[in-house]
Protein backbone atom coordinates (compact mmCIF):
# COMPACT_ATOMS: atom_id res chain seq x y z
CA MET A 1 -16.84 -15.20 -2.51
CA SER A 2 -14.97 -15.14 -5.79
CA GLN A 3 -11.59 -16.78 -6.12
CA PHE A 4 -9.02 -16.19 -8.83
CA VAL A 5 -5.64 -17.59 -9.80
CA LEU A 6 -3.06 -15.01 -10.82
CA THR A 7 -0.21 -16.50 -12.89
CA ALA A 8 2.92 -14.46 -13.61
CA ARG A 9 3.21 -13.96 -17.37
CA ASN A 10 6.97 -13.34 -17.16
CA THR A 11 9.65 -13.21 -14.48
CA ILE A 12 8.99 -10.06 -12.45
CA PRO A 13 11.93 -8.42 -10.66
CA LEU A 14 11.12 -7.12 -7.19
CA GLY A 15 12.71 -3.97 -5.77
CA ASN A 16 14.54 -5.90 -3.03
CA GLY A 17 16.50 -8.05 -5.46
CA GLY A 18 13.99 -10.91 -5.39
CA LEU A 19 12.01 -12.32 -8.28
CA VAL A 20 8.54 -13.61 -9.01
CA GLU A 21 9.23 -16.50 -11.33
CA GLN A 22 7.30 -16.85 -14.58
CA GLY A 23 4.39 -19.24 -14.01
CA ARG A 24 4.16 -18.61 -10.26
CA GLN A 25 0.54 -18.77 -9.15
CA ILE A 26 -1.19 -16.83 -6.40
CA ILE A 27 -4.74 -17.55 -5.32
CA VAL A 28 -6.80 -14.48 -4.42
CA SER A 29 -10.15 -14.62 -2.61
CA VAL A 30 -12.39 -11.57 -2.99
CA ASN A 31 -15.29 -11.28 -0.56
CA ALA A 32 -17.46 -9.01 -2.71
CA SER A 33 -19.93 -9.65 -5.46
CA GLY A 34 -19.31 -8.11 -8.85
CA THR A 35 -15.56 -8.70 -8.90
CA THR A 36 -14.43 -10.42 -12.08
CA LYS A 37 -11.11 -11.31 -13.65
CA ASP A 38 -11.46 -8.20 -15.79
CA ASN A 39 -11.92 -5.73 -12.91
CA ILE A 40 -10.03 -7.29 -9.99
CA PHE A 41 -7.39 -4.53 -10.09
CA GLN A 42 -10.03 -1.76 -10.34
CA THR A 43 -12.50 -2.56 -7.54
CA VAL A 44 -11.71 -1.63 -3.95
CA ALA A 45 -12.44 -5.16 -2.71
CA GLY A 46 -10.34 -6.66 -5.50
CA LYS A 47 -7.37 -4.39 -4.83
CA ASN A 48 -7.54 -5.11 -1.09
CA ALA A 49 -7.69 -8.87 -1.67
CA VAL A 50 -4.77 -8.78 -4.11
CA ALA A 51 -2.77 -6.57 -1.72
CA LEU A 52 -3.34 -9.11 1.07
CA ALA A 53 -2.33 -12.06 -1.12
CA PHE A 54 0.72 -10.20 -2.45
CA GLY A 55 1.77 -9.21 1.08
CA GLN A 56 1.70 -12.86 2.16
CA GLN A 57 4.02 -13.67 -0.76
CA GLY A 58 6.42 -10.74 -0.22
CA ILE A 59 5.28 -8.90 -3.36
CA PRO A 60 4.76 -5.13 -3.06
CA ALA A 61 1.11 -4.14 -3.51
CA THR A 62 1.89 -1.22 -5.81
CA SER A 63 0.39 -0.26 -9.16
CA ASN A 64 3.58 -1.51 -10.82
CA PHE A 65 2.79 -5.07 -9.75
CA MET A 66 -1.03 -4.89 -9.74
CA SER A 67 -1.47 -4.99 -13.50
CA THR A 68 -3.11 -7.34 -15.99
CA ALA A 69 0.01 -6.90 -18.14
CA LYS A 70 2.00 -8.83 -15.50
CA TRP A 71 -0.60 -11.44 -14.50
CA GLU A 72 -2.89 -13.85 -16.32
CA ILE A 73 -6.09 -14.02 -14.29
CA LYS A 74 -8.48 -16.97 -14.31
CA PRO A 75 -11.32 -18.05 -12.04
CA PHE A 76 -10.11 -20.56 -9.43
CA MET A 77 -11.65 -23.97 -9.93
CA ILE A 78 -11.18 -26.77 -7.42
CA LYS A 79 -10.16 -30.01 -9.12
CA PHE A 80 -11.24 -33.28 -7.58
């Protein structure tokens, strides 16, 4: 399983009047091999995992929000 941290590059206005604040982080777990930070928004498993994580945070899982222009993506590393 691959895990990634998506960090909002800028404040992102949501359609319902809410906001995703700049710097907000969302952890996404993708249960498929071959998913990388560069293709997470292109693979079916990556899109499904992001949609699930976004849904839990109240962010619409649309192409407007699922973009590398809006999110900095890094592998998730557990710090001890």
